[in-house]
Amino acid sequence: MPEDLNLSNLSPAQPRKDRKRVGRGLGSGKGRYSGRGIKGQKARSGSAKMRPGFEGGQMPLYMRLGKLRGNFSKDAMPIGPFRTYSQPVNVGALEAFDAGTEVTPELLKQSGLIRSTRKDVKILGDGELSTKLTVVAHRVSAGAREKIEAAGGTVKLLREPVEKKTRARKQVSPAKETTEETAAEPGEAAGDEPGPESPAEENEG
């Protein structure tokens, strides 16, 4: 049976190891450079905490590769930044509702046509619609709007469409029309009167 623990027989679970004391003179064995060698990156503080992708100062790989448009560009939907995902619902699926029904995102979720009301709903024009409905959605395609209104229904947008800003191009002003009726001859300035005849011409006459 082990003896009871007390202050006289306590010992750590693992043997203690004294920390390395560096920079205490040449006689300590870890003086002068303190085990870091002579200069260089590994001799500096923080050298063991390099950020991911750091290549010692040379051009990193992610900057050497070409920047091509793809799934992760800012213009990509819905992966790119500042983009939202729209849940599509075709007008053919709205045929199941009774005439005069106000179709809202909550009703679409209750009917199982969409999964969440926290994402935008866009009505697309695939299918046929013969029921008069009031469709309330965030976005509606042009074809879907035509079919809904052709059936006698109306469309209400929960978010006003954002007009795309286009850069104004500088228009070159047309060339100004000349006011002179006749153009001047190459060797004669416009508006100049013909000079007197030369003496040789007078003698010939």
N, C-alpha and C. Protein backbone atom coordinates (compact mmCIF):
# COMPACT_ATOMS: atom_id res chain seq x y z
N MET A 1 0.84 -1.19 0.00
CA MET A 1 0.00 0.00 0.00
C MET A 1 0.88 1.24 0.00
N PRO A 2 0.65 2.17 -1.03
CA PRO A 2 1.49 3.37 -1.07
C PRO A 2 1.24 4.26 0.12
N GLU A 3 2.29 4.93 0.50
CA GLU A 3 2.15 5.83 1.65
C GLU A 3 1.34 7.07 1.26
N ASP A 4 0.78 7.69 2.25
CA ASP A 4 -0.03 8.89 2.01
C ASP A 4 0.84 10.01 1.46
N LEU A 5 0.19 10.81 0.53
CA LEU A 5 0.90 11.94 -0.04
C LEU A 5 0.99 13.07 0.97
N ASN A 6 2.16 13.68 1.04
CA ASN A 6 2.35 14.87 1.86
C ASN A 6 3.44 15.72 1.23
N LEU A 7 3.72 16.82 1.81
CA LEU A 7 4.67 17.75 1.23
C LEU A 7 6.07 17.17 1.10
N SER A 8 6.38 16.14 1.88
CA SER A 8 7.74 15.59 1.84
C SER A 8 7.95 14.59 0.73
N ASN A 9 6.87 13.99 0.20
CA ASN A 9 7.06 12.99 -0.86
C ASN A 9 6.39 13.38 -2.18
N LEU A 10 6.00 14.65 -2.34
CA LEU A 10 5.44 15.10 -3.62
C LEU A 10 6.55 15.22 -4.66
N SER A 11 6.26 14.82 -5.90
CA SER A 11 7.20 14.94 -7.00
C SER A 11 6.41 15.17 -8.29
N PRO A 12 6.96 15.90 -9.23
CA PRO A 12 6.23 16.16 -10.47
C PRO A 12 6.07 14.88 -11.29
N ALA A 13 5.05 14.86 -12.14
CA ALA A 13 4.80 13.70 -12.99
C ALA A 13 5.93 13.50 -14.00
N GLN A 14 6.47 14.60 -14.52
CA GLN A 14 7.59 14.54 -15.45
C GLN A 14 8.78 15.25 -14.83
N PRO A 15 9.98 14.75 -15.06
CA PRO A 15 11.15 15.43 -14.46
C PRO A 15 11.28 16.84 -15.00
N ARG A 16 11.60 17.76 -14.16
CA ARG A 16 11.76 19.15 -14.55
C ARG A 16 13.05 19.34 -15.34
N LYS A 17 12.98 20.23 -16.29
CA LYS A 17 14.13 20.51 -17.13
C LYS A 17 14.36 22.00 -17.11
N ASP A 18 15.55 22.40 -16.71
CA ASP A 18 15.87 23.81 -16.64
C ASP A 18 15.88 24.42 -18.04
N ARG A 19 15.38 25.65 -18.15
CA ARG A 19 15.36 26.32 -19.44
C ARG A 19 16.78 26.71 -19.84
N LYS A 20 16.98 26.87 -21.11
CA LYS A 20 18.28 27.21 -21.65
C LYS A 20 18.56 28.70 -21.40
N ARG A 21 19.60 28.99 -20.68
CA ARG A 21 19.98 30.37 -20.39
C ARG A 21 21.02 30.81 -21.41
N VAL A 22 20.61 31.71 -22.28
CA VAL A 22 21.48 32.13 -23.37
C VAL A 22 21.93 33.56 -23.13
N GLY A 23 23.02 33.93 -23.80
CA GLY A 23 23.52 35.29 -23.71
C GLY A 23 24.12 35.64 -22.37
N ARG A 24 24.77 34.69 -21.70
CA ARG A 24 25.37 34.93 -20.39
C ARG A 24 26.90 34.86 -20.45
N GLY A 25 27.46 35.17 -21.60
CA GLY A 25 28.91 35.18 -21.71
C GLY A 25 29.43 33.96 -22.45
N LEU A 26 30.67 34.07 -22.94
CA LEU A 26 31.26 32.99 -23.72
C LEU A 26 31.49 31.73 -22.89
N GLY A 27 31.72 31.88 -21.61
CA GLY A 27 31.99 30.71 -20.78
C GLY A 27 30.77 29.84 -20.56
N SER A 28 29.57 30.37 -20.79
CA SER A 28 28.37 29.56 -20.56
C SER A 28 28.10 28.58 -21.68
N GLY A 29 28.76 28.75 -22.81
CA GLY A 29 28.50 27.87 -23.95
C GLY A 29 27.38 28.37 -24.85
N LYS A 30 26.59 29.33 -24.38
CA LYS A 30 25.49 29.89 -25.20
C LYS A 30 25.58 31.42 -25.18
N GLY A 31 26.80 31.91 -25.30
CA GLY A 31 26.97 33.35 -25.34
C GLY A 31 27.12 33.85 -26.75
N ARG A 32 27.42 35.09 -26.87
CA ARG A 32 27.63 35.77 -28.15
C ARG A 32 26.40 35.69 -29.05
N TYR A 33 26.21 34.62 -29.84
CA TYR A 33 25.07 34.53 -30.75
C TYR A 33 23.89 33.76 -30.16
N SER A 34 24.05 33.20 -28.96
CA SER A 34 22.96 32.53 -28.26
C SER A 34 22.33 31.39 -29.06
N GLY A 35 23.14 30.67 -29.82
CA GLY A 35 22.63 29.51 -30.54
C GLY A 35 21.88 29.84 -31.81
N ARG A 36 21.88 31.13 -32.24
CA ARG A 36 21.12 31.52 -33.43
C ARG A 36 22.00 31.58 -34.69
N GLY A 37 23.29 31.43 -34.57
CA GLY A 37 24.14 31.55 -35.74
C GLY A 37 24.44 33.01 -36.03
N ILE A 38 24.93 33.27 -37.22
CA ILE A 38 25.35 34.61 -37.61
C ILE A 38 24.34 35.19 -38.59
N LYS A 39 23.64 36.21 -38.18
CA LYS A 39 22.72 36.97 -39.03
C LYS A 39 21.72 36.08 -39.75
N GLY A 40 21.02 36.66 -40.68
CA GLY A 40 20.05 35.90 -41.45
C GLY A 40 18.65 35.97 -40.85
N GLN A 41 17.69 35.44 -41.59
CA GLN A 41 16.29 35.49 -41.18
C GLN A 41 16.06 34.73 -39.88
N LYS A 42 16.71 33.58 -39.73
CA LYS A 42 16.47 32.75 -38.55
C LYS A 42 17.15 33.30 -37.30
N ALA A 43 17.96 34.32 -37.46
CA ALA A 43 18.56 34.96 -36.30
C ALA A 43 17.71 36.09 -35.75
N ARG A 44 16.60 36.39 -36.45
CA ARG A 44 15.74 37.50 -36.02
C ARG A 44 14.60 36.98 -35.16
N SER A 45 14.03 37.88 -34.40
CA SER A 45 12.88 37.50 -33.59
C SER A 45 11.65 37.33 -34.49
N GLY A 46 10.81 36.38 -34.14
CA GLY A 46 9.61 36.12 -34.93
C GLY A 46 9.84 35.30 -36.17
N SER A 47 11.04 34.72 -36.34
CA SER A 47 11.31 33.95 -37.56
C SER A 47 10.53 32.65 -37.60
N ALA A 48 10.05 32.17 -36.46
CA ALA A 48 9.28 30.92 -36.44
C ALA A 48 7.81 31.14 -36.69
N LYS A 49 7.40 32.39 -36.96
CA LYS A 49 5.98 32.70 -37.14
C LYS A 49 5.78 33.40 -38.48
N MET A 50 6.21 32.74 -39.55
CA MET A 50 6.03 33.31 -40.87
C MET A 50 4.59 33.10 -41.33
N ARG A 51 4.03 34.09 -42.01
CA ARG A 51 2.65 33.97 -42.50
C ARG A 51 2.58 32.97 -43.63
N PRO A 52 1.44 32.36 -43.86
CA PRO A 52 1.30 31.41 -44.97
C PRO A 52 1.55 32.09 -46.31
N GLY A 53 2.30 31.43 -47.17
CA GLY A 53 2.61 31.98 -48.48
C GLY A 53 3.85 32.82 -48.54
N PHE A 54 4.53 33.03 -47.39
CA PHE A 54 5.75 33.83 -47.38
C PHE A 54 6.89 33.01 -47.95
N GLU A 55 7.63 33.57 -48.91
CA GLU A 55 8.70 32.85 -49.58
C GLU A 55 10.03 33.56 -49.43
N GLY A 56 10.27 34.10 -48.26
CA GLY A 56 11.57 34.71 -48.01
C GLY A 56 11.76 36.05 -48.67
N GLY A 57 10.71 36.68 -49.11
CA GLY A 57 10.83 37.98 -49.73
C GLY A 57 10.72 37.96 -51.24
N GLN A 58 10.88 36.80 -51.87
CA GLN A 58 10.73 36.74 -53.31
C GLN A 58 9.24 36.80 -53.67
N MET A 59 8.95 36.99 -54.95
CA MET A 59 7.57 37.12 -55.39
C MET A 59 6.81 35.83 -55.09
N PRO A 60 5.78 35.86 -54.25
CA PRO A 60 5.09 34.63 -53.86
C PRO A 60 4.31 34.04 -55.03
N LEU A 61 3.96 32.78 -54.88
CA LEU A 61 3.33 32.04 -55.97
C LEU A 61 1.98 32.64 -56.34
N TYR A 62 1.20 33.07 -55.35
CA TYR A 62 -0.13 33.57 -55.67
C TYR A 62 -0.08 34.90 -56.43
N MET A 63 1.07 35.56 -56.43
CA MET A 63 1.23 36.78 -57.22
C MET A 63 1.87 36.50 -58.57
N ARG A 64 2.55 35.36 -58.69
CA ARG A 64 3.17 35.02 -59.97
C ARG A 64 2.16 34.42 -60.94
N LEU A 65 1.11 33.81 -60.43
CA LEU A 65 0.13 33.18 -61.31
C LEU A 65 -0.76 34.24 -61.96
N GLY A 66 -1.33 33.89 -63.12
CA GLY A 66 -2.21 34.82 -63.82
C GLY A 66 -3.53 34.99 -63.09
N LYS A 67 -4.09 36.18 -63.23
CA LYS A 67 -5.38 36.47 -62.61
C LYS A 67 -6.46 36.31 -63.66
N LEU A 68 -7.11 35.17 -63.67
CA LEU A 68 -8.15 34.90 -64.64
C LEU A 68 -9.52 34.97 -63.98
N ARG A 69 -10.52 35.34 -64.74
CA ARG A 69 -11.87 35.39 -64.21
C ARG A 69 -12.37 33.96 -64.01
N GLY A 70 -13.09 33.76 -62.94
CA GLY A 70 -13.61 32.43 -62.67
C GLY A 70 -14.64 32.48 -61.57
N ASN A 71 -14.82 31.36 -60.88
CA ASN A 71 -15.84 31.26 -59.86
C ASN A 71 -15.63 32.22 -58.71
N PHE A 72 -14.38 32.61 -58.47
CA PHE A 72 -14.09 33.40 -57.29
C PHE A 72 -13.77 34.85 -57.64
N SER A 73 -14.11 35.30 -58.85
CA SER A 73 -13.91 36.70 -59.18
C SER A 73 -15.04 37.53 -58.58
N LYS A 74 -14.87 38.83 -58.56
CA LYS A 74 -15.88 39.69 -57.95
C LYS A 74 -17.15 39.74 -58.78
N ASP A 75 -17.08 39.33 -60.06
CA ASP A 75 -18.27 39.36 -60.91
C ASP A 75 -19.02 38.04 -60.92
N ALA A 76 -18.50 37.02 -60.21
CA ALA A 76 -19.14 35.71 -60.23
C ALA A 76 -20.31 35.67 -59.26
N MET A 77 -21.37 34.98 -59.63
CA MET A 77 -22.52 34.79 -58.74
C MET A 77 -22.70 33.30 -58.54
N PRO A 78 -23.03 32.83 -57.38
CA PRO A 78 -23.16 33.62 -56.15
C PRO A 78 -21.91 33.58 -55.29
N ILE A 79 -20.78 33.14 -55.85
CA ILE A 79 -19.60 32.92 -55.02
C ILE A 79 -18.85 34.22 -54.78
N GLY A 80 -18.85 35.11 -55.76
CA GLY A 80 -18.08 36.33 -55.62
C GLY A 80 -18.58 37.23 -54.52
N PRO A 81 -17.75 38.15 -54.08
CA PRO A 81 -18.19 39.05 -53.02
C PRO A 81 -19.27 40.00 -53.48
N PHE A 82 -20.05 40.50 -52.54
CA PHE A 82 -21.12 41.46 -52.80
C PHE A 82 -22.16 40.90 -53.77
N ARG A 83 -22.37 39.62 -53.74
CA ARG A 83 -23.38 39.01 -54.59
C ARG A 83 -24.33 38.21 -53.72
N THR A 84 -25.57 38.09 -54.15
CA THR A 84 -26.56 37.30 -53.42
C THR A 84 -27.09 36.21 -54.33
N TYR A 85 -27.61 35.17 -53.74
CA TYR A 85 -28.14 34.05 -54.48
C TYR A 85 -29.65 34.19 -54.58
N SER A 86 -30.18 34.10 -55.77
CA SER A 86 -31.62 34.18 -55.97
C SER A 86 -32.20 32.79 -56.13
N GLN A 87 -33.30 32.53 -55.44
CA GLN A 87 -33.99 31.25 -55.56
C GLN A 87 -34.95 31.32 -56.75
N PRO A 88 -34.76 30.49 -57.77
CA PRO A 88 -35.61 30.58 -58.96
C PRO A 88 -36.93 29.83 -58.77
N VAL A 89 -38.00 30.44 -59.26
CA VAL A 89 -39.33 29.82 -59.29
C VAL A 89 -39.94 30.14 -60.64
N ASN A 90 -40.30 29.12 -61.41
CA ASN A 90 -40.88 29.33 -62.73
C ASN A 90 -42.38 29.59 -62.63
N VAL A 91 -42.88 30.31 -63.64
CA VAL A 91 -44.31 30.64 -63.63
C VAL A 91 -45.17 29.38 -63.77
N GLY A 92 -44.60 28.33 -64.35
CA GLY A 92 -45.36 27.09 -64.47
C GLY A 92 -45.70 26.49 -63.11
N ALA A 93 -44.85 26.74 -62.11
CA ALA A 93 -45.12 26.21 -60.78
C ALA A 93 -46.21 27.00 -60.07
N LEU A 94 -46.50 28.24 -60.53
CA LEU A 94 -47.53 29.05 -59.90
C LEU A 94 -48.93 28.66 -60.34
N GLU A 95 -49.03 27.78 -61.31
CA GLU A 95 -50.35 27.32 -61.78
C GLU A 95 -51.10 26.56 -60.69
N ALA A 96 -50.39 26.05 -59.69
CA ALA A 96 -51.04 25.26 -58.63
C ALA A 96 -51.86 26.13 -57.69
N PHE A 97 -51.63 27.45 -57.68
CA PHE A 97 -52.37 28.33 -56.76
C PHE A 97 -53.72 28.71 -57.36
N ASP A 98 -54.68 28.97 -56.48
CA ASP A 98 -56.02 29.37 -56.92
C ASP A 98 -55.99 30.78 -57.45
N ALA A 99 -57.00 31.11 -58.28
CA ALA A 99 -57.09 32.44 -58.86
C ALA A 99 -57.32 33.48 -57.76
N GLY A 100 -56.66 34.62 -57.91
CA GLY A 100 -56.79 35.69 -56.94
C GLY A 100 -55.86 35.58 -55.76
N THR A 101 -55.00 34.56 -55.71
CA THR A 101 -54.08 34.37 -54.59
C THR A 101 -52.91 35.34 -54.70
N GLU A 102 -52.50 35.86 -53.58
CA GLU A 102 -51.29 36.69 -53.52
C GLU A 102 -50.11 35.79 -53.19
N VAL A 103 -49.28 35.56 -54.17
CA VAL A 103 -48.15 34.64 -54.02
C VAL A 103 -46.98 35.41 -53.44
N THR A 104 -46.62 35.12 -52.20
CA THR A 104 -45.52 35.76 -51.50
C THR A 104 -44.42 34.75 -51.23
N PRO A 105 -43.21 35.21 -50.87
CA PRO A 105 -42.16 34.25 -50.51
C PRO A 105 -42.56 33.32 -49.37
N GLU A 106 -43.34 33.83 -48.41
CA GLU A 106 -43.79 32.96 -47.31
C GLU A 106 -44.69 31.84 -47.82
N LEU A 107 -45.57 32.18 -48.78
CA LEU A 107 -46.45 31.15 -49.35
C LEU A 107 -45.67 30.16 -50.19
N LEU A 108 -44.66 30.65 -50.89
CA LEU A 108 -43.82 29.74 -51.68
C LEU A 108 -43.06 28.77 -50.79
N LYS A 109 -42.59 29.25 -49.64
CA LYS A 109 -41.89 28.36 -48.71
C LYS A 109 -42.86 27.35 -48.11
N GLN A 110 -44.06 27.81 -47.79
CA GLN A 110 -45.06 26.89 -47.23
C GLN A 110 -45.45 25.82 -48.24
N SER A 111 -45.42 26.17 -49.53
CA SER A 111 -45.77 25.20 -50.57
C SER A 111 -44.60 24.32 -50.97
N GLY A 112 -43.39 24.62 -50.46
CA GLY A 112 -42.23 23.80 -50.76
C GLY A 112 -41.51 24.18 -52.04
N LEU A 113 -41.85 25.33 -52.62
CA LEU A 113 -41.19 25.74 -53.86
C LEU A 113 -39.84 26.40 -53.60
N ILE A 114 -39.64 26.96 -52.41
CA ILE A 114 -38.34 27.50 -52.03
C ILE A 114 -38.00 26.97 -50.64
N ARG A 115 -36.73 27.10 -50.28
CA ARG A 115 -36.28 26.55 -49.01
C ARG A 115 -36.23 27.58 -47.89
N SER A 116 -35.97 28.83 -48.25
CA SER A 116 -35.78 29.84 -47.22
C SER A 116 -36.36 31.16 -47.69
N THR A 117 -36.86 31.95 -46.75
CA THR A 117 -37.35 33.29 -47.07
C THR A 117 -36.28 34.35 -46.85
N ARG A 118 -35.10 33.95 -46.40
CA ARG A 118 -34.02 34.90 -46.17
C ARG A 118 -33.23 35.20 -47.44
N LYS A 119 -33.48 34.44 -48.50
CA LYS A 119 -32.82 34.68 -49.77
C LYS A 119 -33.83 35.23 -50.77
N ASP A 120 -33.31 35.97 -51.73
CA ASP A 120 -34.18 36.59 -52.72
C ASP A 120 -34.88 35.53 -53.58
N VAL A 121 -36.05 35.88 -54.07
CA VAL A 121 -36.83 35.00 -54.94
C VAL A 121 -36.97 35.68 -56.30
N LYS A 122 -36.64 34.95 -57.34
CA LYS A 122 -36.78 35.47 -58.70
C LYS A 122 -37.72 34.58 -59.47
N ILE A 123 -38.72 35.19 -60.10
CA ILE A 123 -39.70 34.46 -60.90
C ILE A 123 -39.19 34.41 -62.33
N LEU A 124 -39.09 33.20 -62.87
CA LEU A 124 -38.61 32.99 -64.23
C LEU A 124 -39.78 32.60 -65.14
N GLY A 125 -39.56 32.68 -66.43
CA GLY A 125 -40.66 32.54 -67.39
C GLY A 125 -40.84 31.16 -67.99
N ASP A 126 -40.31 30.12 -67.39
CA ASP A 126 -40.48 28.78 -67.95
C ASP A 126 -41.85 28.23 -67.57
N GLY A 127 -42.58 27.72 -68.54
CA GLY A 127 -43.91 27.17 -68.28
C GLY A 127 -45.00 28.13 -68.71
N GLU A 128 -46.25 27.67 -68.54
CA GLU A 128 -47.41 28.47 -68.91
C GLU A 128 -48.23 28.78 -67.68
N LEU A 129 -48.92 29.93 -67.72
CA LEU A 129 -49.74 30.38 -66.60
C LEU A 129 -51.06 30.92 -67.14
N SER A 130 -52.14 30.38 -66.60
CA SER A 130 -53.48 30.83 -67.01
C SER A 130 -54.30 31.33 -65.84
N THR A 131 -53.71 31.42 -64.66
CA THR A 131 -54.42 31.83 -63.45
C THR A 131 -54.06 33.27 -63.11
N LYS A 132 -55.06 34.04 -62.73
CA LYS A 132 -54.84 35.42 -62.34
C LYS A 132 -54.28 35.46 -60.92
N LEU A 133 -53.04 35.93 -60.79
CA LEU A 133 -52.36 35.93 -59.50
C LEU A 133 -51.70 37.29 -59.26
N THR A 134 -51.47 37.58 -58.00
CA THR A 134 -50.67 38.73 -57.61
C THR A 134 -49.35 38.19 -57.08
N VAL A 135 -48.29 38.35 -57.84
CA VAL A 135 -47.01 37.75 -57.52
C VAL A 135 -46.14 38.81 -56.83
N VAL A 136 -45.67 38.46 -55.63
CA VAL A 136 -44.79 39.34 -54.86
C VAL A 136 -43.44 38.66 -54.75
N ALA A 137 -42.42 39.26 -55.34
CA ALA A 137 -41.08 38.66 -55.33
C ALA A 137 -40.04 39.77 -55.39
N HIS A 138 -38.78 39.38 -55.24
CA HIS A 138 -37.70 40.35 -55.27
C HIS A 138 -37.35 40.74 -56.70
N ARG A 139 -37.39 39.75 -57.60
CA ARG A 139 -37.05 40.02 -58.99
C ARG A 139 -37.94 39.19 -59.89
N VAL A 140 -38.23 39.71 -61.07
CA VAL A 140 -39.06 39.01 -62.05
C VAL A 140 -38.44 39.22 -63.42
N SER A 141 -38.30 38.13 -64.17
CA SER A 141 -37.74 38.26 -65.51
C SER A 141 -38.78 38.87 -66.44
N ALA A 142 -38.32 39.37 -67.58
CA ALA A 142 -39.23 40.03 -68.52
C ALA A 142 -40.25 39.04 -69.08
N GLY A 143 -39.81 37.81 -69.38
CA GLY A 143 -40.74 36.81 -69.89
C GLY A 143 -41.79 36.41 -68.87
N ALA A 144 -41.38 36.29 -67.61
CA ALA A 144 -42.33 35.94 -66.57
C ALA A 144 -43.35 37.05 -66.35
N ARG A 145 -42.90 38.29 -66.41
CA ARG A 145 -43.82 39.42 -66.24
C ARG A 145 -44.88 39.42 -67.33
N GLU A 146 -44.47 39.16 -68.56
CA GLU A 146 -45.42 39.13 -69.67
C GLU A 146 -46.49 38.05 -69.47
N LYS A 147 -46.08 36.88 -69.03
CA LYS A 147 -47.04 35.79 -68.87
C LYS A 147 -47.99 36.05 -67.69
N ILE A 148 -47.47 36.65 -66.62
CA ILE A 148 -48.32 36.93 -65.46
C ILE A 148 -49.35 38.00 -65.82
N GLU A 149 -48.90 39.05 -66.51
CA GLU A 149 -49.83 40.12 -66.88
C GLU A 149 -50.78 39.67 -67.98
N ALA A 150 -50.35 38.75 -68.86
CA ALA A 150 -51.24 38.23 -69.89
C ALA A 150 -52.38 37.42 -69.29
N ALA A 151 -52.12 36.79 -68.15
CA ALA A 151 -53.16 36.01 -67.46
C ALA A 151 -54.05 36.90 -66.59
N GLY A 152 -53.81 38.21 -66.58
CA GLY A 152 -54.62 39.12 -65.79
C GLY A 152 -54.06 39.43 -64.43
N GLY A 153 -52.88 38.95 -64.11
CA GLY A 153 -52.29 39.17 -62.80
C GLY A 153 -51.43 40.41 -62.76
N THR A 154 -50.86 40.63 -61.60
CA THR A 154 -49.98 41.79 -61.39
C THR A 154 -48.70 41.32 -60.70
N VAL A 155 -47.69 42.17 -60.80
CA VAL A 155 -46.39 41.87 -60.22
C VAL A 155 -46.02 42.98 -59.26
N LYS A 156 -45.56 42.61 -58.06
CA LYS A 156 -45.08 43.56 -57.07
C LYS A 156 -43.66 43.18 -56.69
N LEU A 157 -42.75 44.13 -56.79
CA LEU A 157 -41.34 43.88 -56.48
C LEU A 157 -41.05 44.29 -55.05
N LEU A 158 -40.37 43.41 -54.32
CA LEU A 158 -39.96 43.74 -52.95
C LEU A 158 -38.70 44.59 -52.92
N ARG A 159 -37.98 44.62 -54.02
CA ARG A 159 -36.77 45.44 -54.11
C ARG A 159 -36.73 46.10 -55.47
N GLU A 160 -36.52 47.38 -55.47
CA GLU A 160 -36.49 48.10 -56.72
C GLU A 160 -35.26 47.70 -57.53
N PRO A 161 -35.42 47.54 -58.83
CA PRO A 161 -34.24 47.15 -59.64
C PRO A 161 -33.19 48.24 -59.64
N VAL A 162 -31.95 47.81 -59.60
CA VAL A 162 -30.83 48.74 -59.57
C VAL A 162 -30.35 48.96 -60.99
N GLU A 163 -30.32 50.21 -61.39
CA GLU A 163 -29.87 50.53 -62.73
C GLU A 163 -28.35 50.48 -62.78
N LYS A 164 -27.86 49.82 -63.82
CA LYS A 164 -26.41 49.71 -63.98
C LYS A 164 -25.86 51.05 -64.46
N LYS A 165 -24.81 51.49 -63.78
CA LYS A 165 -24.19 52.75 -64.16
C LYS A 165 -23.23 52.52 -65.32
N THR A 166 -23.39 53.29 -66.35
CA THR A 166 -22.50 53.20 -67.51
C THR A 166 -21.64 54.44 -67.59
N ARG A 167 -20.42 54.22 -67.94
CA ARG A 167 -19.49 55.35 -68.05
C ARG A 167 -19.80 56.15 -69.30
N ALA A 168 -19.93 57.45 -69.14
CA ALA A 168 -20.25 58.32 -70.27
C ALA A 168 -19.03 58.45 -71.16
N ARG A 169 -19.25 58.19 -72.42
CA ARG A 169 -18.15 58.31 -73.37
C ARG A 169 -18.10 59.73 -73.92
N LYS A 170 -16.90 60.21 -74.12
CA LYS A 170 -16.74 61.55 -74.66
C LYS A 170 -17.08 61.54 -76.14
N GLN A 171 -18.01 62.41 -76.52
CA GLN A 171 -18.41 62.50 -77.91
C GLN A 171 -17.57 63.55 -78.62
N VAL A 172 -17.07 63.14 -79.77
CA VAL A 172 -16.25 64.06 -80.57
C VAL A 172 -17.17 65.02 -81.30
N SER A 173 -16.95 66.30 -81.13
CA SER A 173 -17.81 67.29 -81.78
C SER A 173 -17.61 67.25 -83.28
N PRO A 174 -18.69 67.35 -84.06
CA PRO A 174 -18.54 67.32 -85.53
C PRO A 174 -17.72 68.49 -86.05
N ALA A 175 -17.10 68.26 -87.17
CA ALA A 175 -16.25 69.31 -87.76
C ALA A 175 -17.09 70.52 -88.13
N LYS A 176 -16.55 71.67 -87.85
CA LYS A 176 -17.29 72.90 -88.16
C LYS A 176 -17.31 73.13 -89.68
N GLU A 177 -18.48 73.48 -90.16
CA GLU A 177 -18.62 73.73 -91.59
C GLU A 177 -18.00 75.09 -91.93
N THR A 178 -17.34 75.09 -93.04
CA THR A 178 -16.71 76.35 -93.48
C THR A 178 -17.77 77.31 -94.00
N THR A 179 -17.62 78.59 -93.66
CA THR A 179 -18.60 79.60 -94.08
C THR A 179 -18.27 80.22 -95.44
N GLU A 180 -17.07 79.92 -95.93
CA GLU A 180 -16.69 80.48 -97.23
C GLU A 180 -17.42 79.75 -98.33
N GLU A 181 -17.90 80.46 -99.30
CA GLU A 181 -18.63 79.84 -100.41
C GLU A 181 -17.69 79.10 -101.33
N THR A 182 -16.56 79.63 -101.58
CA THR A 182 -15.59 78.99 -102.47
C THR A 182 -14.28 78.87 -101.73
N ALA A 183 -13.59 77.78 -101.96
CA ALA A 183 -12.30 77.56 -101.31
C ALA A 183 -11.22 78.30 -102.07
N ALA A 184 -10.20 78.75 -101.36
CA ALA A 184 -9.10 79.47 -101.99
C ALA A 184 -8.24 78.50 -102.78
N GLU A 185 -7.67 78.98 -103.89
CA GLU A 185 -6.80 78.15 -104.71
C GLU A 185 -5.49 77.92 -103.96
N PRO A 186 -4.75 76.84 -104.31
CA PRO A 186 -3.52 76.52 -103.57
C PRO A 186 -2.51 77.65 -103.51
N GLY A 187 -2.28 78.35 -104.60
CA GLY A 187 -1.26 79.39 -104.60
C GLY A 187 -1.77 80.77 -104.26
N GLU A 188 -3.07 80.87 -103.92
CA GLU A 188 -3.66 82.18 -103.70
C GLU A 188 -4.36 82.21 -102.36
N ALA A 189 -4.12 83.16 -101.54
CA ALA A 189 -4.77 83.25 -100.24
C ALA A 189 -6.18 83.73 -100.42
N ALA A 190 -7.07 83.29 -99.54
CA ALA A 190 -8.46 83.68 -99.65
C ALA A 190 -8.62 85.15 -99.35
N GLY A 191 -9.36 85.85 -100.21
CA GLY A 191 -9.65 87.26 -99.99
C GLY A 191 -8.63 88.20 -100.59
N ASP A 192 -7.51 87.67 -101.12
CA ASP A 192 -6.50 88.54 -101.70
C ASP A 192 -6.91 88.94 -103.12
N GLU A 193 -6.66 90.19 -103.53
CA GLU A 193 -6.99 90.66 -104.87
C GLU A 193 -5.81 90.37 -105.79
N PRO A 194 -6.08 90.09 -107.04
CA PRO A 194 -4.97 89.84 -107.97
C PRO A 194 -4.12 91.09 -108.15
N GLY A 195 -2.80 90.95 -108.21
CA GLY A 195 -1.88 92.07 -108.31
C GLY A 195 -1.79 92.60 -109.74
N PRO A 196 -1.07 93.71 -109.95
CA PRO A 196 -0.91 94.27 -111.32
C PRO A 196 -0.09 93.36 -112.20
N GLU A 197 -0.28 93.50 -113.48
CA GLU A 197 0.46 92.65 -114.42
C GLU A 197 1.93 93.02 -114.41
N SER A 198 2.76 92.04 -114.68
CA SER A 198 4.20 92.27 -114.72
C SER A 198 4.57 93.11 -115.95
N PRO A 199 5.76 93.80 -115.94
CA PRO A 199 6.18 94.60 -117.10
C PRO A 199 6.33 93.79 -118.35
N ALA A 200 6.75 92.51 -118.25
CA ALA A 200 6.92 91.69 -119.43
C ALA A 200 5.59 91.45 -120.12
N GLU A 201 4.57 91.27 -119.37
CA GLU A 201 3.27 91.03 -119.95
C GLU A 201 2.75 92.28 -120.65
N GLU A 202 3.09 93.51 -120.10
CA GLU A 202 2.65 94.74 -120.73
C GLU A 202 3.31 94.95 -122.08
N ASN A 203 4.62 94.58 -122.18
CA ASN A 203 5.33 94.73 -123.45
C ASN A 203 4.79 93.82 -124.51
N GLU A 204 4.43 92.62 -124.09
CA GLU A 204 3.89 91.67 -125.07
C GLU A 204 2.59 92.22 -125.65
N GLY A 205 1.81 92.93 -124.86
CA GLY A 205 0.56 93.46 -125.37
C GLY A 205 0.82 94.59 -126.29
